[in-house]
Amino acid sequence: MKTLKKSGLSKEEMIQAYREVLRGRRLDERLWQLTRIGKTSFNISGQGAEVAQVAMAMAFDPKKDYFLPYYRDMTACLVWGMTSKDVLLGSFGKEADPSSHGRQMPNHYGSKEHNIVSFSSTVSTQMPLATGVAYSAQLEKSDFVTLTTTGEGSANQGEVQEAMNFAGVKKLPVIFVVENNDYAISVPIKEQYANEKMSDRAHGYGFEGITVDGNDFTEVYLTFKKAVEDARSGKGPKLIELMVSRLTSHSADDDQNVYRSKEEIEEMKKHDPLDTFEKQLIDEGYLSKEEIEKMDEEVRAEVDKATDEAEAMPDPLASSLLEQVYAK
């Protein structure tokens, strides 16, 4: 694993990166709690991918670049500019929800203010949309870059192949990401695809594919930093496969204990990337154990406050059902 110092990020930037990872984990845990006590209807978790998502998002410029996420990308959306309260408003289905004004399922992130484009529940439909956004950058001779993500299961959808093919032909400034957590709901990767790596597919579309250890913050950040620089300078798309863990069940409606052995789950949790990142930060002198504990208290307090504020916000009126659905 590469040292954090090799990332080229300052101490302040590394501490902020850790805060975002911690915020993603604590907010995700809160979303599970709200689902289990019946206050919200659904949650689909990104626990195990937070370090990779923070490193990925930090390589972009959210003020001008566009992000078309998928349902596990809450932590990346936080780095892109969304707040804990924004996410909770969506889970509670409130009118002030920036993703859909309470009209979409939870975990469907979007924010016009932050260049985060909302998506459909039909998996991977964000991919051809991202290609279209990137095509607009080329047509307008703008230098913004488009990022879009999906899981390795939904990467087998036809829309993904169409999006990559067009992006390769036109050499578009788009970065496709497959967050590979080994399972498409209950289906392991050995039953999902025959190629050795998901990133190998990029070569068939005429651009580079890279597989990266999602637990290695520095490696992920540097990989995306180079990909963004290449895309911004006209060198076309890339496919980056992030190898991450899925520490929880697929969603609040799933139980991974049915199809994963107790030993497999326990072994995976021994390598929680949050623990690995914390140890690395302490060993390399960025933070002390006491400072980490203090930050955790602050993040938990932030999530508590955001939960109370979001829950108190008004629900959408039934009479407004057809508003905010179509552009005027």
C-alpha atoms as a PDB file:
ATOM      1  CA  MET A   1       0.000   0.000   0.000  1.00  0.00           C
ATOM      2  CA  LYS A   2       1.364   3.417  -0.969  1.00  0.00           C
ATOM      3  CA  THR A   3       2.046   5.954   1.765  1.00  0.00           C
ATOM      4  CA  LEU A   4      -0.399   8.832   2.103  1.00  0.00           C
ATOM      5  CA  LYS A   5       2.429  11.306   1.615  1.00  0.00           C
ATOM      6  CA  LYS A   6       2.888  10.056  -1.959  1.00  0.00           C
ATOM      7  CA  SER A   7      -0.579  11.383  -2.805  1.00  0.00           C
ATOM      8  CA  GLY A   8       0.819  14.928  -2.814  1.00  0.00           C
ATOM      9  CA  LEU A   9      -2.109  16.111  -0.681  1.00  0.00           C
ATOM     10  CA  SER A  10      -1.469  18.414   2.268  1.00  0.00           C
ATOM     11  CA  LYS A  11      -1.989  17.375   5.883  1.00  0.00           C
ATOM     12  CA  GLU A  12      -5.164  19.497   5.984  1.00  0.00           C
ATOM     13  CA  GLU A  13      -6.513  17.788   2.843  1.00  0.00           C
ATOM     14  CA  MET A  14      -5.780  14.334   4.280  1.00  0.00           C
ATOM     15  CA  ILE A  15      -7.557  15.178   7.527  1.00  0.00           C
ATOM     16  CA  GLN A  16     -10.545  16.440   5.555  1.00  0.00           C
ATOM     17  CA  ALA A  17     -10.495  13.225   3.511  1.00  0.00           C
ATOM     18  CA  TYR A  18     -10.700  11.190   6.698  1.00  0.00           C
ATOM     19  CA  ARG A  19     -13.561  13.344   7.992  1.00  0.00           C
ATOM     20  CA  GLU A  20     -15.486  12.617   4.772  1.00  0.00           C
ATOM     21  CA  VAL A  21     -14.853   8.869   5.109  1.00  0.00           C
ATOM     22  CA  LEU A  22     -16.035   8.967   8.724  1.00  0.00           C
ATOM     23  CA  ARG A  23     -19.061  11.099   7.842  1.00  0.00           C
ATOM     24  CA  GLY A  24     -20.032   8.625   5.134  1.00  0.00           C
ATOM     25  CA  ARG A  25     -19.815   5.691   7.556  1.00  0.00           C
ATOM     26  CA  ARG A  26     -21.718   7.338  10.418  1.00  0.00           C
ATOM     27  CA  LEU A  27     -24.437   8.673   8.105  1.00  0.00           C
ATOM     28  CA  ASP A  28     -24.809   5.248   6.493  1.00  0.00           C
ATOM     29  CA  GLU A  29     -25.181   3.678   9.932  1.00  0.00           C
ATOM     30  CA  ARG A  30     -27.888   6.225  10.774  1.00  0.00           C
ATOM     31  CA  LEU A  31     -29.776   5.418   7.558  1.00  0.00           C
ATOM     32  CA  TRP A  32     -29.806   1.739   8.558  1.00  0.00           C
ATOM     33  CA  GLN A  33     -31.119   2.644  12.023  1.00  0.00           C
ATOM     34  CA  LEU A  34     -33.933   4.767  10.579  1.00  0.00           C
ATOM     35  CA  THR A  35     -34.952   1.937   8.261  1.00  0.00           C
ATOM     36  CA  ARG A  36     -34.957  -0.645  11.047  1.00  0.00           C
ATOM     37  CA  ILE A  37     -37.179   1.433  13.350  1.00  0.00           C
ATOM     38  CA  GLY A  38     -39.629   2.153  10.535  1.00  0.00           C
ATOM     39  CA  LYS A  39     -38.981   5.878  10.100  1.00  0.00           C
ATOM     40  CA  THR A  40     -37.688   5.443   6.531  1.00  0.00           C
ATOM     41  CA  SER A  41     -38.516   2.850   3.899  1.00  0.00           C
ATOM     42  CA  PHE A  42     -35.238   1.707   2.385  1.00  0.00           C
ATOM     43  CA  ASN A  43     -31.445   1.894   2.461  1.00  0.00           C
ATOM     44  CA  ILE A  44     -28.764   0.578   0.154  1.00  0.00           C
ATOM     45  CA  SER A  45     -25.376   0.805   1.758  1.00  0.00           C
ATOM     46  CA  GLY A  46     -21.910   1.895   0.663  1.00  0.00           C
ATOM     47  CA  GLN A  47     -20.116   0.668   3.766  1.00  0.00           C
ATOM     48  CA  GLY A  48     -16.733  -0.705   2.688  1.00  0.00           C
ATOM     49  CA  ALA A  49     -16.338   1.674  -0.280  1.00  0.00           C
ATOM     50  CA  GLU A  50     -15.998   4.999   1.565  1.00  0.00           C
ATOM     51  CA  VAL A  51     -12.201   5.330   1.301  1.00  0.00           C
ATOM     52  CA  ALA A  52     -12.264   4.621  -2.431  1.00  0.00           C
ATOM     53  CA  GLN A  53     -15.148   7.034  -3.014  1.00  0.00           C
ATOM     54  CA  VAL A  54     -13.489   9.899  -1.146  1.00  0.00           C
ATOM     55  CA  ALA A  55     -10.181   9.410  -2.976  1.00  0.00           C
ATOM     56  CA  MET A  56     -12.031   9.229  -6.308  1.00  0.00           C
ATOM     57  CA  ALA A  57     -14.135  12.354  -5.758  1.00  0.00           C
ATOM     58  CA  MET A  58     -11.200  14.436  -4.498  1.00  0.00           C
ATOM     59  CA  ALA A  59      -9.514  14.127  -7.901  1.00  0.00           C
ATOM     60  CA  PHE A  60     -12.295  16.143  -9.585  1.00  0.00           C
ATOM     61  CA  ASP A  61     -13.400  19.782  -9.526  1.00  0.00           C
ATOM     62  CA  PRO A  62     -17.049  19.644  -8.371  1.00  0.00           C
ATOM     63  CA  LYS A  63     -17.540  23.296  -9.279  1.00  0.00           C
ATOM     64  CA  LYS A  64     -17.386  22.426 -12.975  1.00  0.00           C
ATOM     65  CA  ASP A  65     -17.197  18.625 -13.389  1.00  0.00           C
ATOM     66  CA  TYR A  66     -20.351  16.485 -13.520  1.00  0.00           C
ATOM     67  CA  PHE A  67     -21.134  13.388 -11.460  1.00  0.00           C
ATOM     68  CA  LEU A  68     -23.684  10.711 -12.426  1.00  0.00           C
ATOM     69  CA  PRO A  69     -23.564   8.327  -9.449  1.00  0.00           C
ATOM     70  CA  TYR A  70     -25.248   5.070  -8.600  1.00  0.00           C
ATOM     71  CA  TYR A  71     -27.090   4.140  -5.431  1.00  0.00           C
ATOM     72  CA  ARG A  72     -24.035   3.225  -3.290  1.00  0.00           C
ATOM     73  CA  ASP A  73     -22.248   6.535  -3.895  1.00  0.00           C
ATOM     74  CA  MET A  74     -23.503   8.541  -0.929  1.00  0.00           C
ATOM     75  CA  THR A  75     -19.999   9.248   0.413  1.00  0.00           C
ATOM     76  CA  ALA A  76     -18.776  10.461  -2.983  1.00  0.00           C
ATOM     77  CA  CYS A  77     -21.838  12.730  -3.200  1.00  0.00           C
ATOM     78  CA  LEU A  78     -20.916  14.218   0.186  1.00  0.00           C
ATOM     79  CA  VAL A  79     -17.438  15.069  -1.116  1.00  0.00           C
ATOM     80  CA  TRP A  80     -19.066  16.543  -4.242  1.00  0.00           C
ATOM     81  CA  GLY A  81     -21.008  18.991  -2.078  1.00  0.00           C
ATOM     82  CA  MET A  82     -24.166  17.387  -0.724  1.00  0.00           C
ATOM     83  CA  THR A  83     -24.739  17.607   3.042  1.00  0.00           C
ATOM     84  CA  SER A  84     -25.810  14.994   5.569  1.00  0.00           C
ATOM     85  CA  LYS A  85     -29.132  16.807   5.805  1.00  0.00           C
ATOM     86  CA  ASP A  86     -29.560  16.664   1.995  1.00  0.00           C
ATOM     87  CA  VAL A  87     -29.189  12.879   2.114  1.00  0.00           C
ATOM     88  CA  LEU A  88     -31.552  12.504   5.062  1.00  0.00           C
ATOM     89  CA  LEU A  89     -34.193  14.688   3.401  1.00  0.00           C
ATOM     90  CA  GLY A  90     -34.208  12.183   0.548  1.00  0.00           C
ATOM     91  CA  SER A  91     -34.513   9.200   2.898  1.00  0.00           C
ATOM     92  CA  PHE A  92     -37.403  10.817   4.771  1.00  0.00           C
ATOM     93  CA  GLY A  93     -39.031  11.770   1.444  1.00  0.00           C
ATOM     94  CA  LYS A  94     -39.326  15.458   2.316  1.00  0.00           C
ATOM     95  CA  GLU A  95     -40.340  18.279  -0.020  1.00  0.00           C
ATOM     96  CA  ALA A  96     -36.946  19.977   0.473  1.00  0.00           C
ATOM     97  CA  ASP A  97     -35.066  16.871  -0.737  1.00  0.00           C
ATOM     98  CA  PRO A  98     -32.650  18.218  -3.409  1.00  0.00           C
ATOM     99  CA  SER A  99     -32.596  14.920  -5.301  1.00  0.00           C
ATOM    100  CA  SER A 100     -36.304  14.711  -6.151  1.00  0.00           C
ATOM    101  CA  HIS A 101     -38.418  16.753  -3.702  1.00  0.00           C
ATOM    102  CA  GLY A 102     -39.399  13.508  -2.023  1.00  0.00           C
ATOM    103  CA  ARG A 103     -40.586  11.841  -5.228  1.00  0.00           C
ATOM    104  CA  GLN A 104     -37.808   9.282  -5.685  1.00  0.00           C
ATOM    105  CA  MET A 105     -36.652   6.289  -3.639  1.00  0.00           C
ATOM    106  CA  PRO A 106     -33.960   6.883  -1.004  1.00  0.00           C
ATOM    107  CA  ASN A 107     -30.336   6.618  -2.211  1.00  0.00           C
ATOM    108  CA  HIS A 108     -31.110   8.229  -5.587  1.00  0.00           C
ATOM    109  CA  TYR A 109     -28.783  11.184  -5.260  1.00  0.00           C
ATOM    110  CA  GLY A 110     -29.003  14.357  -7.301  1.00  0.00           C
ATOM    111  CA  SER A 111     -28.222  18.034  -6.839  1.00  0.00           C
ATOM    112  CA  LYS A 112     -28.501  20.614  -9.588  1.00  0.00           C
ATOM    113  CA  GLU A 113     -26.509  23.007  -7.397  1.00  0.00           C
ATOM    114  CA  HIS A 114     -23.584  20.584  -7.243  1.00  0.00           C
ATOM    115  CA  ASN A 115     -23.620  19.119 -10.802  1.00  0.00           C
ATOM    116  CA  ILE A 116     -24.874  15.755  -9.543  1.00  0.00           C
ATOM    117  CA  VAL A 117     -27.320  14.307 -12.084  1.00  0.00           C
ATOM    118  CA  SER A 118     -30.108  12.153 -10.643  1.00  0.00           C
ATOM    119  CA  PHE A 119     -30.763   8.702 -12.048  1.00  0.00           C
ATOM    120  CA  SER A 120     -33.366   6.028 -12.578  1.00  0.00           C
ATOM    121  CA  SER A 121     -33.928   2.946 -10.436  1.00  0.00           C
ATOM    122  CA  THR A 122     -33.245   0.898 -13.570  1.00  0.00           C
ATOM    123  CA  VAL A 123     -29.563   0.071 -13.057  1.00  0.00           C
ATOM    124  CA  SER A 124     -26.847   1.643 -15.220  1.00  0.00           C
ATOM    125  CA  THR A 125     -29.115   4.020 -17.135  1.00  0.00           C
ATOM    126  CA  GLN A 126     -26.814   6.758 -15.821  1.00  0.00           C
ATOM    127  CA  MET A 127     -24.033   5.516 -18.128  1.00  0.00           C
ATOM    128  CA  PRO A 128     -25.449   6.641 -21.517  1.00  0.00           C
ATOM    129  CA  LEU A 129     -26.622   9.861 -19.844  1.00  0.00           C
ATOM    130  CA  ALA A 130     -23.028  10.477 -18.720  1.00  0.00           C
ATOM    131  CA  THR A 131     -21.809   9.896 -22.258  1.00  0.00           C
ATOM    132  CA  GLY A 132     -24.294  12.530 -23.427  1.00  0.00           C
ATOM    133  CA  VAL A 133     -23.106  15.001 -20.795  1.00  0.00           C
ATOM    134  CA  ALA A 134     -19.499  14.394 -21.850  1.00  0.00           C
ATOM    135  CA  TYR A 135     -20.469  14.826 -25.516  1.00  0.00           C
ATOM    136  CA  SER A 136     -21.875  18.253 -24.663  1.00  0.00           C
ATOM    137  CA  ALA A 137     -18.492  19.249 -23.205  1.00  0.00           C
ATOM    138  CA  GLN A 138     -16.851  18.275 -26.477  1.00  0.00           C
ATOM    139  CA  LEU A 139     -19.421  20.083 -28.616  1.00  0.00           C
ATOM    140  CA  GLU A 140     -19.228  23.233 -26.478  1.00  0.00           C
ATOM    141  CA  LYS A 141     -15.404  23.032 -26.332  1.00  0.00           C
ATOM    142  CA  SER A 142     -15.602  23.102 -22.535  1.00  0.00           C
ATOM    143  CA  ASP A 143     -13.027  21.409 -20.316  1.00  0.00           C
ATOM    144  CA  PHE A 144     -15.340  19.810 -17.739  1.00  0.00           C
ATOM    145  CA  VAL A 145     -15.029  16.070 -17.118  1.00  0.00           C
ATOM    146  CA  THR A 146     -17.884  13.656 -16.431  1.00  0.00           C
ATOM    147  CA  LEU A 147     -17.684  10.880 -13.832  1.00  0.00           C
ATOM    148  CA  THR A 148     -20.162   8.010 -13.735  1.00  0.00           C
ATOM    149  CA  THR A 149     -20.245   4.882 -11.588  1.00  0.00           C
ATOM    150  CA  THR A 150     -22.005   1.539 -11.316  1.00  0.00           C
ATOM    151  CA  GLY A 151     -21.511  -1.878  -9.733  1.00  0.00           C
ATOM    152  CA  GLU A 152     -19.936  -4.875 -11.403  1.00  0.00           C
ATOM    153  CA  GLY A 153     -23.293  -6.659 -11.660  1.00  0.00           C
ATOM    154  CA  SER A 154     -25.063  -3.812 -13.414  1.00  0.00           C
ATOM    155  CA  ALA A 155     -21.976  -3.235 -15.592  1.00  0.00           C
ATOM    156  CA  ASN A 156     -23.244  -6.204 -17.619  1.00  0.00           C
ATOM    157  CA  GLN A 157     -26.269  -4.218 -18.819  1.00  0.00           C
ATOM    158  CA  GLY A 158     -26.440  -3.357 -22.509  1.00  0.00           C
ATOM    159  CA  GLU A 159     -26.595   0.399 -21.822  1.00  0.00           C
ATOM    160  CA  VAL A 160     -23.075   0.274 -20.375  1.00  0.00           C
ATOM    161  CA  GLN A 161     -21.612  -1.240 -23.526  1.00  0.00           C
ATOM    162  CA  GLU A 162     -23.421   1.292 -25.733  1.00  0.00           C
ATOM    163  CA  ALA A 163     -22.199   4.187 -23.582  1.00  0.00           C
ATOM    164  CA  MET A 164     -18.583   3.022 -23.625  1.00  0.00           C
ATOM    165  CA  ASN A 165     -18.631   2.310 -27.337  1.00  0.00           C
ATOM    166  CA  PHE A 166     -19.873   5.808 -28.210  1.00  0.00           C
ATOM    167  CA  ALA A 167     -17.474   7.432 -25.739  1.00  0.00           C
ATOM    168  CA  GLY A 168     -14.574   5.518 -27.258  1.00  0.00           C
ATOM    169  CA  VAL A 169     -15.510   6.453 -30.822  1.00  0.00           C
ATOM    170  CA  LYS A 170     -15.819  10.152 -29.967  1.00  0.00           C
ATOM    171  CA  LYS A 171     -12.936  10.188 -27.428  1.00  0.00           C
ATOM    172  CA  LEU A 172     -15.178  11.861 -24.865  1.00  0.00           C
ATOM    173  CA  PRO A 173     -14.034  13.322 -21.517  1.00  0.00           C
ATOM    174  CA  VAL A 174     -15.842  10.737 -19.384  1.00  0.00           C
ATOM    175  CA  ILE A 175     -14.532   8.364 -16.722  1.00  0.00           C
ATOM    176  CA  PHE A 176     -16.514   5.156 -16.251  1.00  0.00           C
ATOM    177  CA  VAL A 177     -16.171   3.483 -12.867  1.00  0.00           C
ATOM    178  CA  VAL A 178     -17.137  -0.028 -11.821  1.00  0.00           C
ATOM    179  CA  GLU A 179     -17.193  -0.448  -8.043  1.00  0.00           C
ATOM    180  CA  ASN A 180     -16.589  -4.182  -7.800  1.00  0.00           C
ATOM    181  CA  ASN A 181     -17.674  -5.588  -4.433  1.00  0.00           C
ATOM    182  CA  ASP A 182     -17.825  -9.245  -5.579  1.00  0.00           C
ATOM    183  CA  TYR A 183     -21.615  -9.598  -5.408  1.00  0.00           C
ATOM    184  CA  ALA A 184     -24.529  -8.537  -7.607  1.00  0.00           C
ATOM    185  CA  ILE A 185     -27.095  -8.824  -4.798  1.00  0.00           C
ATOM    186  CA  SER A 186     -26.514 -12.558  -4.120  1.00  0.00           C
ATOM    187  CA  VAL A 187     -24.634 -13.520  -7.306  1.00  0.00           C
ATOM    188  CA  PRO A 188     -20.816 -13.853  -6.923  1.00  0.00           C
ATOM    189  CA  ILE A 189     -18.487 -12.573  -9.639  1.00  0.00           C
ATOM    190  CA  LYS A 190     -17.634 -16.081 -10.893  1.00  0.00           C
ATOM    191  CA  GLU A 191     -21.221 -16.290 -12.155  1.00  0.00           C
ATOM    192  CA  GLN A 192     -21.376 -12.706 -13.473  1.00  0.00           C
ATOM    193  CA  TYR A 193     -18.660 -12.447 -16.129  1.00  0.00           C
ATOM    194  CA  ALA A 194     -15.971 -14.555 -17.786  1.00  0.00           C
ATOM    195  CA  ASN A 195     -13.270 -11.915 -18.313  1.00  0.00           C
ATOM    196  CA  GLU A 196     -10.481 -11.833 -15.723  1.00  0.00           C
ATOM    197  CA  LYS A 197     -10.983  -8.177 -14.802  1.00  0.00           C
ATOM    198  CA  MET A 198     -13.892  -5.870 -15.474  1.00  0.00           C
ATOM    199  CA  SER A 199     -11.367  -3.236 -16.608  1.00  0.00           C
ATOM    200  CA  ASP A 200     -10.295  -5.530 -19.480  1.00  0.00           C
ATOM    201  CA  ARG A 201     -13.469  -4.578 -21.324  1.00  0.00           C
ATOM    202  CA  ALA A 202     -12.189  -1.052 -21.975  1.00  0.00           C
ATOM    203  CA  HIS A 203      -9.744  -2.289 -24.605  1.00  0.00           C
ATOM    204  CA  GLY A 204     -12.627  -3.470 -26.771  1.00  0.00           C
ATOM    205  CA  TYR A 205     -13.869   0.117 -26.906  1.00  0.00           C
ATOM    206  CA  GLY A 206     -10.502   1.648 -27.701  1.00  0.00           C
ATOM    207  CA  PHE A 207      -9.472   3.138 -24.384  1.00  0.00           C
ATOM    208  CA  GLU A 208      -7.544   2.264 -21.229  1.00  0.00           C
ATOM    209  CA  GLY A 209      -8.903   0.130 -18.397  1.00  0.00           C
ATOM    210  CA  ILE A 210      -7.351   0.095 -14.923  1.00  0.00           C
ATOM    211  CA  THR A 211      -8.066  -2.021 -11.832  1.00  0.00           C
ATOM    212  CA  VAL A 212      -7.266  -0.432  -8.463  1.00  0.00           C
ATOM    213  CA  ASP A 213      -7.311  -1.601  -4.843  1.00  0.00           C
ATOM    214  CA  GLY A 214     -10.103   0.495  -3.324  1.00  0.00           C
ATOM    215  CA  ASN A 215      -8.552   0.194   0.149  1.00  0.00           C
ATOM    216  CA  ASP A 216      -5.429   2.087  -0.971  1.00  0.00           C
ATOM    217  CA  PHE A 217      -6.353   5.777  -0.703  1.00  0.00           C
ATOM    218  CA  THR A 218      -3.211   7.047  -2.422  1.00  0.00           C
ATOM    219  CA  GLU A 219      -3.393   4.608  -5.329  1.00  0.00           C
ATOM    220  CA  VAL A 220      -7.038   5.459  -5.980  1.00  0.00           C
ATOM    221  CA  TYR A 221      -6.473   9.214  -5.766  1.00  0.00           C
ATOM    222  CA  LEU A 222      -3.439   9.189  -8.084  1.00  0.00           C
ATOM    223  CA  THR A 223      -5.207   6.929 -10.602  1.00  0.00           C
ATOM    224  CA  PHE A 224      -8.176   9.281 -10.838  1.00  0.00           C
ATOM    225  CA  LYS A 225      -6.006  12.394 -10.814  1.00  0.00           C
ATOM    226  CA  LYS A 226      -4.198  11.120 -13.926  1.00  0.00           C
ATOM    227  CA  ALA A 227      -7.476  10.020 -15.566  1.00  0.00           C
ATOM    228  CA  VAL A 228      -9.016  13.471 -15.003  1.00  0.00           C
ATOM    229  CA  GLU A 229      -5.934  15.221 -16.393  1.00  0.00           C
ATOM    230  CA  ASP A 230      -6.018  12.996 -19.485  1.00  0.00           C
ATOM    231  CA  ALA A 231      -9.742  13.512 -20.052  1.00  0.00           C
ATOM    232  CA  ARG A 232      -9.468  17.261 -19.595  1.00  0.00           C
ATOM    233  CA  SER A 233      -6.653  17.441 -22.146  1.00  0.00           C
ATOM    234  CA  GLY A 234      -8.602  15.582 -24.852  1.00  0.00           C
ATOM    235  CA  LYS A 235      -7.175  12.075 -24.437  1.00  0.00           C
ATOM    236  CA  GLY A 236     -10.590  10.469 -24.122  1.00  0.00           C
ATOM    237  CA  PRO A 237     -12.335   8.148 -21.653  1.00  0.00           C
ATOM    238  CA  LYS A 238     -11.099   5.557 -19.173  1.00  0.00           C
ATOM    239  CA  LEU A 239     -12.664   2.638 -17.348  1.00  0.00           C
ATOM    240  CA  ILE A 240     -11.540   2.299 -13.732  1.00  0.00           C
ATOM    241  CA  GLU A 241     -12.461  -0.775 -11.728  1.00  0.00           C
ATOM    242  CA  LEU A 242     -12.403  -0.139  -7.970  1.00  0.00           C
ATOM    243  CA  MET A 243     -12.037  -3.327  -5.922  1.00  0.00           C
ATOM    244  CA  VAL A 244     -14.042  -2.637  -2.770  1.00  0.00           C
ATOM    245  CA  SER A 245     -15.911  -4.510  -0.032  1.00  0.00           C
ATOM    246  CA  ARG A 246     -19.625  -4.679   0.647  1.00  0.00           C
ATOM    247  CA  LEU A 247     -19.694  -4.904   4.438  1.00  0.00           C
ATOM    248  CA  THR A 248     -23.491  -5.031   4.653  1.00  0.00           C
ATOM    249  CA  SER A 249     -26.255  -6.871   2.860  1.00  0.00           C
ATOM    250  CA  HIS A 250     -27.152  -5.615  -0.612  1.00  0.00           C
ATOM    251  CA  SER A 251     -29.939  -3.455   0.806  1.00  0.00           C
ATOM    252  CA  ALA A 252     -32.356  -3.165   3.714  1.00  0.00           C
ATOM    253  CA  ASP A 253     -34.482  -5.815   1.967  1.00  0.00           C
ATOM    254  CA  ASP A 254     -31.692  -8.394   1.768  1.00  0.00           C
ATOM    255  CA  ASP A 255     -29.858 -10.745   4.163  1.00  0.00           C
ATOM    256  CA  GLN A 256     -26.392 -11.702   2.969  1.00  0.00           C
ATOM    257  CA  ASN A 257     -26.117 -14.399   5.655  1.00  0.00           C
ATOM    258  CA  VAL A 258     -28.307 -16.536   3.387  1.00  0.00           C
ATOM    259  CA  TYR A 259     -25.722 -16.704   0.581  1.00  0.00           C
ATOM    260  CA  ARG A 260     -22.384 -15.767   2.195  1.00  0.00           C
ATOM    261  CA  SER A 261     -20.674 -17.925   4.789  1.00  0.00           C
ATOM    262  CA  LYS A 262     -20.104 -16.650   8.314  1.00  0.00           C
ATOM    263  CA  GLU A 263     -16.357 -17.107   7.775  1.00  0.00           C
ATOM    264  CA  GLU A 264     -16.352 -15.035   4.573  1.00  0.00           C
ATOM    265  CA  ILE A 265     -18.205 -12.159   6.233  1.00  0.00           C
ATOM    266  CA  GLU A 266     -15.981 -12.201   9.321  1.00  0.00           C
ATOM    267  CA  GLU A 267     -12.810 -12.224   7.207  1.00  0.00           C
ATOM    268  CA  MET A 268     -14.072  -9.296   5.125  1.00  0.00           C
ATOM    269  CA  LYS A 269     -14.875  -7.248   8.231  1.00  0.00           C
ATOM    270  CA  LYS A 270     -11.361  -7.820   9.577  1.00  0.00           C
ATOM    271  CA  HIS A 271     -10.161  -5.699   6.641  1.00  0.00           C
ATOM    272  CA  ASP A 272     -12.610  -2.817   7.023  1.00  0.00           C
ATOM    273  CA  PRO A 273     -11.036   0.028   4.963  1.00  0.00           C
ATOM    274  CA  LEU A 274     -12.051   2.585   7.607  1.00  0.00           C
ATOM    275  CA  ASP A 275      -9.860   0.783  10.160  1.00  0.00           C
ATOM    276  CA  THR A 276      -7.028   0.484   7.637  1.00  0.00           C
ATOM    277  CA  PHE A 277      -7.209   4.197   6.803  1.00  0.00           C
ATOM    278  CA  GLU A 278      -7.269   5.200  10.475  1.00  0.00           C
ATOM    279  CA  LYS A 279      -4.191   3.096  11.211  1.00  0.00           C
ATOM    280  CA  GLN A 280      -2.362   4.568   8.237  1.00  0.00           C
ATOM    281  CA  LEU A 281      -3.193   8.144   9.321  1.00  0.00           C
ATOM    282  CA  ILE A 282      -1.914   7.448  12.840  1.00  0.00           C
ATOM    283  CA  ASP A 283       1.222   5.595  11.703  1.00  0.00           C
ATOM    284  CA  GLU A 284       2.149   8.373   9.263  1.00  0.00           C
ATOM    285  CA  GLY A 285       1.551  11.162  11.792  1.00  0.00           C
ATOM    286  CA  TYR A 286      -1.525  12.852  10.320  1.00  0.00           C
ATOM    287  CA  LEU A 287      -3.792  12.262  13.306  1.00  0.00           C
ATOM    288  CA  SER A 288      -3.567  10.871  16.833  1.00  0.00           C
ATOM    289  CA  LYS A 289      -5.989   8.343  18.299  1.00  0.00           C
ATOM    290  CA  GLU A 290      -7.383  11.098  20.536  1.00  0.00           C
ATOM    291  CA  GLU A 291      -7.944  13.422  17.571  1.00  0.00           C
ATOM    292  CA  ILE A 292      -9.756  10.654  15.699  1.00  0.00           C
ATOM    293  CA  GLU A 293     -12.024  10.019  18.691  1.00  0.00           C
ATOM    294  CA  LYS A 294     -12.806  13.750  18.963  1.00  0.00           C
ATOM    295  CA  MET A 295     -13.594  13.955  15.235  1.00  0.00           C
ATOM    296  CA  ASP A 296     -15.886  10.947  15.565  1.00  0.00           C
ATOM    297  CA  GLU A 297     -17.830  12.728  18.321  1.00  0.00           C
ATOM    298  CA  GLU A 298     -18.175  15.818  16.117  1.00  0.00           C
ATOM    299  CA  VAL A 299     -19.374  13.786  13.111  1.00  0.00           C
ATOM    300  CA  ARG A 300     -21.908  11.868  15.217  1.00  0.00           C
ATOM    301  CA  ALA A 301     -23.244  15.170  16.585  1.00  0.00           C
ATOM    302  CA  GLU A 302     -23.526  16.522  13.010  1.00  0.00           C
ATOM    303  CA  VAL A 303     -25.488  13.447  11.910  1.00  0.00           C
ATOM    304  CA  ASP A 304     -27.779  13.710  14.968  1.00  0.00           C
ATOM    305  CA  LYS A 305     -28.510  17.370  14.214  1.00  0.00           C
ATOM    306  CA  ALA A 306     -29.089  16.691  10.506  1.00  0.00           C
ATOM    307  CA  THR A 307     -31.461  13.821  11.370  1.00  0.00           C
ATOM    308  CA  ASP A 308     -33.581  15.972  13.699  1.00  0.00           C
ATOM    309  CA  GLU A 309     -33.714  18.870  11.226  1.00  0.00           C
ATOM    310  CA  ALA A 310     -34.567  16.684   8.222  1.00  0.00           C
ATOM    311  CA  GLU A 311     -37.274  14.737  10.054  1.00  0.00           C
ATOM    312  CA  ALA A 312     -38.947  17.994  11.116  1.00  0.00           C
ATOM    313  CA  MET A 313     -39.220  19.304   7.556  1.00  0.00           C
ATOM    314  CA  PRO A 314     -42.619  19.188   5.778  1.00  0.00           C
ATOM    315  CA  ASP A 315     -43.669  16.302   3.554  1.00  0.00           C
ATOM    316  CA  PRO A 316     -44.704  16.989  -0.057  1.00  0.00           C
ATOM    317  CA  LEU A 317     -48.377  17.894  -0.477  1.00  0.00           C
ATOM    318  CA  ALA A 318     -50.457  15.310  -2.326  1.00  0.00           C
ATOM    319  CA  SER A 319     -51.752  18.122  -4.546  1.00  0.00           C
ATOM    320  CA  SER A 320     -48.173  18.773  -5.737  1.00  0.00           C
ATOM    321  CA  LEU A 321     -47.611  15.215  -6.947  1.00  0.00           C
ATOM    322  CA  LEU A 322     -47.155  16.144 -10.607  1.00  0.00           C
ATOM    323  CA  GLU A 323     -44.982  19.187  -9.892  1.00  0.00           C
ATOM    324  CA  GLN A 324     -41.166  18.990 -10.194  1.00  0.00           C
ATOM    325  CA  VAL A 325     -41.577  15.993 -12.524  1.00  0.00           C
ATOM    326  CA  TYR A 326     -41.394  17.625 -15.961  1.00  0.00           C
ATOM    327  CA  ALA A 327     -39.431  20.721 -16.978  1.00  0.00           C
ATOM    328  CA  LYS A 328     -41.649  23.707 -17.695  1.00  0.00           C
END
